[in-house]
Amino acid sequence: MKYHILQPVQLCKGGIPGVICDTAEAIQEYGVQPAYEVQWVDGNTDTRLECEIEPLKAANDEVYETA
């Protein structure tokens, strides 16, 4: 899995920011990508595939990395 719980992410191409609150493993035999439940800053929660999100970037384009 590329991301982990409590990691800040955003929709690809600079979308709304949020935090990962749950993960679902990939199912290789069916070609299903890992999925993540994301709590967005506007209060909504939804599930996104790994290809739909990216690490949250700061205004100076540095990526926030959790230790």
PDB file of N, CA and C in Angstrom:
ATOM      1  N   MET A   1       0.831  -1.175   0.000  1.00  0.00           N
ATOM      2  CA  MET A   1       0.000   0.000   0.000  1.00  0.00           C
ATOM      3  C   MET A   1       0.880   1.244   0.000  1.00  0.00           C
ATOM      4  N   LYS A   2       0.452   2.199  -0.761  1.00  0.00           N
ATOM      5  CA  LYS A   2       1.228   3.421  -0.937  1.00  0.00           C
ATOM      6  C   LYS A   2       1.014   4.426   0.202  1.00  0.00           C
ATOM      7  N   TYR A   3      -0.185   4.473   0.746  1.00  0.00           N
ATOM      8  CA  TYR A   3      -0.522   5.432   1.797  1.00  0.00           C
ATOM      9  C   TYR A   3      -0.912   4.701   3.082  1.00  0.00           C
ATOM     10  N   HIS A   4      -0.943   5.417   4.193  1.00  0.00           N
ATOM     11  CA  HIS A   4      -1.293   4.813   5.472  1.00  0.00           C
ATOM     12  C   HIS A   4      -2.261   5.722   6.242  1.00  0.00           C
ATOM     13  N   ILE A   5      -2.866   5.172   7.285  1.00  0.00           N
ATOM     14  CA  ILE A   5      -3.862   5.905   8.070  1.00  0.00           C
ATOM     15  C   ILE A   5      -3.245   7.179   8.660  1.00  0.00           C
ATOM     16  N   LEU A   6      -4.012   8.236   8.639  1.00  0.00           N
ATOM     17  CA  LEU A   6      -3.677   9.583   9.114  1.00  0.00           C
ATOM     18  C   LEU A   6      -2.705  10.349   8.215  1.00  0.00           C
ATOM     19  N   GLN A   7      -2.417   9.825   7.036  1.00  0.00           N
ATOM     20  CA  GLN A   7      -1.564  10.556   6.104  1.00  0.00           C
ATOM     21  C   GLN A   7      -2.405  11.595   5.369  1.00  0.00           C
ATOM     22  N   PRO A   8      -1.940  12.848   5.302  1.00  0.00           N
ATOM     23  CA  PRO A   8      -2.673  13.869   4.552  1.00  0.00           C
ATOM     24  C   PRO A   8      -2.521  13.644   3.047  1.00  0.00           C
ATOM     25  N   VAL A   9      -3.638  13.706   2.330  1.00  0.00           N
ATOM     26  CA  VAL A   9      -3.647  13.497   0.886  1.00  0.00           C
ATOM     27  C   VAL A   9      -4.552  14.542   0.236  1.00  0.00           C
ATOM     28  N   GLN A  10      -4.528  14.557  -1.075  1.00  0.00           N
ATOM     29  CA  GLN A  10      -5.426  15.412  -1.842  1.00  0.00           C
ATOM     30  C   GLN A  10      -5.822  14.666  -3.101  1.00  0.00           C
ATOM     31  N   LEU A  11      -6.906  15.111  -3.720  1.00  0.00           N
ATOM     32  CA  LEU A  11      -7.273  14.536  -5.003  1.00  0.00           C
ATOM     33  C   LEU A  11      -6.180  14.873  -6.009  1.00  0.00           C
ATOM     34  N   CYS A  12      -5.988  14.027  -6.979  1.00  0.00           N
ATOM     35  CA  CYS A  12      -4.962  14.282  -7.999  1.00  0.00           C
ATOM     36  C   CYS A  12      -5.219  15.622  -8.680  1.00  0.00           C
ATOM     37  N   LYS A  13      -4.165  16.232  -9.107  1.00  0.00           N
ATOM     38  CA  LYS A  13      -4.196  17.525  -9.787  1.00  0.00           C
ATOM     39  C   LYS A  13      -4.704  18.648  -8.887  1.00  0.00           C
ATOM     40  N   GLY A  14      -4.312  18.601  -7.599  1.00  0.00           N
ATOM     41  CA  GLY A  14      -4.557  19.722  -6.705  1.00  0.00           C
ATOM     42  C   GLY A  14      -5.956  19.856  -6.172  1.00  0.00           C
ATOM     43  N   GLY A  15      -6.610  18.770  -5.909  1.00  0.00           N
ATOM     44  CA  GLY A  15      -7.969  18.824  -5.378  1.00  0.00           C
ATOM     45  C   GLY A  15      -8.011  19.136  -3.894  1.00  0.00           C
ATOM     46  N   ILE A  16      -9.178  18.960  -3.325  1.00  0.00           N
ATOM     47  CA  ILE A  16      -9.428  19.242  -1.916  1.00  0.00           C
ATOM     48  C   ILE A  16      -8.568  18.341  -1.027  1.00  0.00           C
ATOM     49  N   PRO A  17      -8.008  18.860   0.077  1.00  0.00           N
ATOM     50  CA  PRO A  17      -7.200  18.036   0.967  1.00  0.00           C
ATOM     51  C   PRO A  17      -8.046  17.226   1.943  1.00  0.00           C
ATOM     52  N   GLY A  18      -7.444  16.157   2.444  1.00  0.00           N
ATOM     53  CA  GLY A  18      -8.105  15.308   3.429  1.00  0.00           C
ATOM     54  C   GLY A  18      -7.101  14.398   4.119  1.00  0.00           C
ATOM     55  N   VAL A  19      -7.615  13.506   4.963  1.00  0.00           N
ATOM     56  CA  VAL A  19      -6.775  12.586   5.726  1.00  0.00           C
ATOM     57  C   VAL A  19      -7.321  11.172   5.554  1.00  0.00           C
ATOM     58  N   ILE A  20      -6.436  10.217   5.354  1.00  0.00           N
ATOM     59  CA  ILE A  20      -6.849   8.824   5.221  1.00  0.00           C
ATOM     60  C   ILE A  20      -7.273   8.301   6.590  1.00  0.00           C
ATOM     61  N   CYS A  21      -8.473   7.709   6.655  1.00  0.00           N
ATOM     62  CA  CYS A  21      -8.958   7.191   7.934  1.00  0.00           C
ATOM     63  C   CYS A  21      -9.136   5.675   7.930  1.00  0.00           C
ATOM     64  N   ASP A  22      -9.058   5.028   6.761  1.00  0.00           N
ATOM     65  CA  ASP A  22      -9.113   3.566   6.698  1.00  0.00           C
ATOM     66  C   ASP A  22      -8.542   3.115   5.367  1.00  0.00           C
ATOM     67  N   THR A  23      -8.086   1.871   5.317  1.00  0.00           N
ATOM     68  CA  THR A  23      -7.483   1.335   4.096  1.00  0.00           C
ATOM     69  C   THR A  23      -8.088  -0.026   3.767  1.00  0.00           C
ATOM     70  N   ALA A  24      -8.044  -0.385   2.483  1.00  0.00           N
ATOM     71  CA  ALA A  24      -8.468  -1.706   2.021  1.00  0.00           C
ATOM     72  C   ALA A  24      -7.400  -2.225   1.070  1.00  0.00           C
ATOM     73  N   GLU A  25      -6.929  -3.412   1.330  1.00  0.00           N
ATOM     74  CA  GLU A  25      -5.856  -4.019   0.525  1.00  0.00           C
ATOM     75  C   GLU A  25      -6.320  -4.272  -0.913  1.00  0.00           C
ATOM     76  N   ALA A  26      -5.352  -4.327  -1.818  1.00  0.00           N
ATOM     77  CA  ALA A  26      -5.628  -4.674  -3.208  1.00  0.00           C
ATOM     78  C   ALA A  26      -6.012  -6.151  -3.294  1.00  0.00           C
ATOM     79  N   ILE A  27      -6.796  -6.497  -4.305  1.00  0.00           N
ATOM     80  CA  ILE A  27      -7.136  -7.886  -4.584  1.00  0.00           C
ATOM     81  C   ILE A  27      -6.532  -8.203  -5.955  1.00  0.00           C
ATOM     82  N   GLN A  28      -5.319  -8.740  -5.939  1.00  0.00           N
ATOM     83  CA  GLN A  28      -4.556  -8.945  -7.165  1.00  0.00           C
ATOM     84  C   GLN A  28      -5.262  -9.855  -8.168  1.00  0.00           C
ATOM     85  N   GLU A  29      -5.899 -10.931  -7.696  1.00  0.00           N
ATOM     86  CA  GLU A  29      -6.528 -11.873  -8.628  1.00  0.00           C
ATOM     87  C   GLU A  29      -7.692 -11.276  -9.402  1.00  0.00           C
ATOM     88  N   TYR A  30      -8.255 -10.161  -8.919  1.00  0.00           N
ATOM     89  CA  TYR A  30      -9.328  -9.475  -9.630  1.00  0.00           C
ATOM     90  C   TYR A  30      -8.879  -8.147 -10.226  1.00  0.00           C
ATOM     91  N   GLY A  31      -7.617  -7.801 -10.056  1.00  0.00           N
ATOM     92  CA  GLY A  31      -7.096  -6.554 -10.602  1.00  0.00           C
ATOM     93  C   GLY A  31      -7.619  -5.312  -9.894  1.00  0.00           C
ATOM     94  N   VAL A  32      -7.970  -5.432  -8.621  1.00  0.00           N
ATOM     95  CA  VAL A  32      -8.506  -4.307  -7.852  1.00  0.00           C
ATOM     96  C   VAL A  32      -7.369  -3.594  -7.121  1.00  0.00           C
ATOM     97  N   GLN A  33      -7.294  -2.288  -7.281  1.00  0.00           N
ATOM     98  CA  GLN A  33      -6.274  -1.471  -6.623  1.00  0.00           C
ATOM     99  C   GLN A  33      -6.600  -1.302  -5.141  1.00  0.00           C
ATOM    100  N   PRO A  34      -5.591  -0.921  -4.340  1.00  0.00           N
ATOM    101  CA  PRO A  34      -5.879  -0.571  -2.944  1.00  0.00           C
ATOM    102  C   PRO A  34      -6.847   0.619  -2.900  1.00  0.00           C
ATOM    103  N   ALA A  35      -7.695   0.641  -1.891  1.00  0.00           N
ATOM    104  CA  ALA A  35      -8.660   1.728  -1.729  1.00  0.00           C
ATOM    105  C   ALA A  35      -8.469   2.356  -0.356  1.00  0.00           C
ATOM    106  N   TYR A  36      -8.857   3.614  -0.253  1.00  0.00           N
ATOM    107  CA  TYR A  36      -8.670   4.378   0.975  1.00  0.00           C
ATOM    108  C   TYR A  36      -9.933   5.155   1.300  1.00  0.00           C
ATOM    109  N   GLU A  37     -10.347   5.111   2.567  1.00  0.00           N
ATOM    110  CA  GLU A  37     -11.432   5.954   3.023  1.00  0.00           C
ATOM    111  C   GLU A  37     -10.811   7.274   3.454  1.00  0.00           C
ATOM    112  N   VAL A  38     -11.285   8.372   2.877  1.00  0.00           N
ATOM    113  CA  VAL A  38     -10.687   9.684   3.120  1.00  0.00           C
ATOM    114  C   VAL A  38     -11.710  10.610   3.767  1.00  0.00           C
ATOM    115  N   GLN A  39     -11.304  11.266   4.845  1.00  0.00           N
ATOM    116  CA  GLN A  39     -12.105  12.309   5.496  1.00  0.00           C
ATOM    117  C   GLN A  39     -11.613  13.641   4.933  1.00  0.00           C
ATOM    118  N   TRP A  40     -12.455  14.309   4.159  1.00  0.00           N
ATOM    119  CA  TRP A  40     -12.070  15.568   3.524  1.00  0.00           C
ATOM    120  C   TRP A  40     -12.271  16.734   4.486  1.00  0.00           C
ATOM    121  N   VAL A  41     -11.593  17.854   4.225  1.00  0.00           N
ATOM    122  CA  VAL A  41     -11.672  19.011   5.115  1.00  0.00           C
ATOM    123  C   VAL A  41     -13.064  19.630   5.167  1.00  0.00           C
ATOM    124  N   ASP A  42     -13.890  19.372   4.165  1.00  0.00           N
ATOM    125  CA  ASP A  42     -15.252  19.917   4.185  1.00  0.00           C
ATOM    126  C   ASP A  42     -16.220  19.039   4.979  1.00  0.00           C
ATOM    127  N   GLY A  43     -15.700  17.956   5.596  1.00  0.00           N
ATOM    128  CA  GLY A  43     -16.518  17.105   6.446  1.00  0.00           C
ATOM    129  C   GLY A  43     -17.053  15.854   5.773  1.00  0.00           C
ATOM    130  N   ASN A  44     -16.930  15.756   4.472  1.00  0.00           N
ATOM    131  CA  ASN A  44     -17.394  14.567   3.755  1.00  0.00           C
ATOM    132  C   ASN A  44     -16.382  13.440   3.860  1.00  0.00           C
ATOM    133  N   THR A  45     -16.871  12.212   3.743  1.00  0.00           N
ATOM    134  CA  THR A  45     -16.013  11.030   3.723  1.00  0.00           C
ATOM    135  C   THR A  45     -16.388  10.200   2.519  1.00  0.00           C
ATOM    136  N   ASP A  46     -15.392   9.714   1.786  1.00  0.00           N
ATOM    137  CA  ASP A  46     -15.660   8.789   0.700  1.00  0.00           C
ATOM    138  C   ASP A  46     -14.471   7.863   0.490  1.00  0.00           C
ATOM    139  N   THR A  47     -14.659   6.905  -0.396  1.00  0.00           N
ATOM    140  CA  THR A  47     -13.628   5.916  -0.682  1.00  0.00           C
ATOM    141  C   THR A  47     -13.018   6.220  -2.040  1.00  0.00           C
ATOM    142  N   ARG A  48     -11.687   6.234  -2.093  1.00  0.00           N
ATOM    143  CA  ARG A  48     -10.975   6.533  -3.331  1.00  0.00           C
ATOM    144  C   ARG A  48      -9.932   5.460  -3.619  1.00  0.00           C
ATOM    145  N   LEU A  49      -9.733   5.175  -4.897  1.00  0.00           N
ATOM    146  CA  LEU A  49      -8.672   4.259  -5.301  1.00  0.00           C
ATOM    147  C   LEU A  49      -7.328   4.964  -5.224  1.00  0.00           C
ATOM    148  N   GLU A  50      -6.266   4.172  -5.158  1.00  0.00           N
ATOM    149  CA  GLU A  50      -4.920   4.714  -5.029  1.00  0.00           C
ATOM    150  C   GLU A  50      -4.569   5.679  -6.166  1.00  0.00           C
ATOM    151  N   CYS A  51      -5.064   5.420  -7.372  1.00  0.00           N
ATOM    152  CA  CYS A  51      -4.747   6.275  -8.521  1.00  0.00           C
ATOM    153  C   CYS A  51      -5.458   7.625  -8.472  1.00  0.00           C
ATOM    154  N   GLU A  52      -6.439   7.794  -7.585  1.00  0.00           N
ATOM    155  CA  GLU A  52      -7.218   9.027  -7.525  1.00  0.00           C
ATOM    156  C   GLU A  52      -6.696  10.047  -6.522  1.00  0.00           C
ATOM    157  N   ILE A  53      -5.760   9.644  -5.662  1.00  0.00           N
ATOM    158  CA  ILE A  53      -5.245  10.560  -4.635  1.00  0.00           C
ATOM    159  C   ILE A  53      -3.728  10.640  -4.715  1.00  0.00           C
ATOM    160  N   GLU A  54      -3.191  11.688  -4.109  1.00  0.00           N
ATOM    161  CA  GLU A  54      -1.741  11.883  -4.041  1.00  0.00           C
ATOM    162  C   GLU A  54      -1.409  12.537  -2.704  1.00  0.00           C
ATOM    163  N   PRO A  55      -0.154  12.468  -2.269  1.00  0.00           N
ATOM    164  CA  PRO A  55       0.223  13.105  -1.002  1.00  0.00           C
ATOM    165  C   PRO A  55      -0.073  14.602  -1.040  1.00  0.00           C
ATOM    166  N   LEU A  56      -0.476  15.147   0.091  1.00  0.00           N
ATOM    167  CA  LEU A  56      -0.767  16.577   0.183  1.00  0.00           C
ATOM    168  C   LEU A  56       0.511  17.365  -0.025  1.00  0.00           C
ATOM    169  N   LYS A  57       0.423  18.392  -0.861  1.00  0.00           N
ATOM    170  CA  LYS A  57       1.583  19.232  -1.141  1.00  0.00           C
ATOM    171  C   LYS A  57       1.375  20.597  -0.504  1.00  0.00           C
ATOM    172  N   ALA A  58       2.454  21.153   0.024  1.00  0.00           N
ATOM    173  CA  ALA A  58       2.416  22.487   0.625  1.00  0.00           C
ATOM    174  C   ALA A  58       2.436  23.532  -0.481  1.00  0.00           C
ATOM    175  N   ALA A  59       2.265  24.777  -0.094  1.00  0.00           N
ATOM    176  CA  ALA A  59       2.265  25.871  -1.074  1.00  0.00           C
ATOM    177  C   ALA A  59       3.586  25.946  -1.836  1.00  0.00           C
ATOM    178  N   ASN A  60       4.676  25.508  -1.202  1.00  0.00           N
ATOM    179  CA  ASN A  60       5.963  25.553  -1.878  1.00  0.00           C
ATOM    180  C   ASN A  60       6.287  24.215  -2.550  1.00  0.00           C
ATOM    181  N   ASP A  61       5.265  23.383  -2.765  1.00  0.00           N
ATOM    182  CA  ASP A  61       5.364  22.090  -3.463  1.00  0.00           C
ATOM    183  C   ASP A  61       6.175  21.028  -2.740  1.00  0.00           C
ATOM    184  N   GLU A  62       6.464  21.219  -1.462  1.00  0.00           N
ATOM    185  CA  GLU A  62       7.079  20.142  -0.689  1.00  0.00           C
ATOM    186  C   GLU A  62       5.981  19.176  -0.283  1.00  0.00           C
ATOM    187  N   VAL A  63       6.281  17.896  -0.269  1.00  0.00           N
ATOM    188  CA  VAL A  63       5.309  16.890   0.120  1.00  0.00           C
ATOM    189  C   VAL A  63       5.414  16.651   1.614  1.00  0.00           C
ATOM    190  N   TYR A  64       4.256  16.668   2.298  1.00  0.00           N
ATOM    191  CA  TYR A  64       4.244  16.352   3.727  1.00  0.00           C
ATOM    192  C   TYR A  64       4.463  14.858   3.887  1.00  0.00           C
ATOM    193  N   GLU A  65       5.482  14.462   4.607  1.00  0.00           N
ATOM    194  CA  GLU A  65       5.770  13.054   4.871  1.00  0.00           C
ATOM    195  C   GLU A  65       5.629  12.814   6.364  1.00  0.00           C
ATOM    196  N   THR A  66       4.926  11.757   6.727  1.00  0.00           N
ATOM    197  CA  THR A  66       4.833  11.398   8.131  1.00  0.00           C
ATOM    198  C   THR A  66       5.948  10.424   8.461  1.00  0.00           C
ATOM    199  N   ALA A  67       6.458  10.517   9.677  1.00  0.00           N
ATOM    200  CA  ALA A  67       7.592   9.691  10.067  1.00  0.00           C
ATOM    201  C   ALA A  67       7.218   8.263  10.318  1.00  0.00           C
TER     202      ALA A  67
END
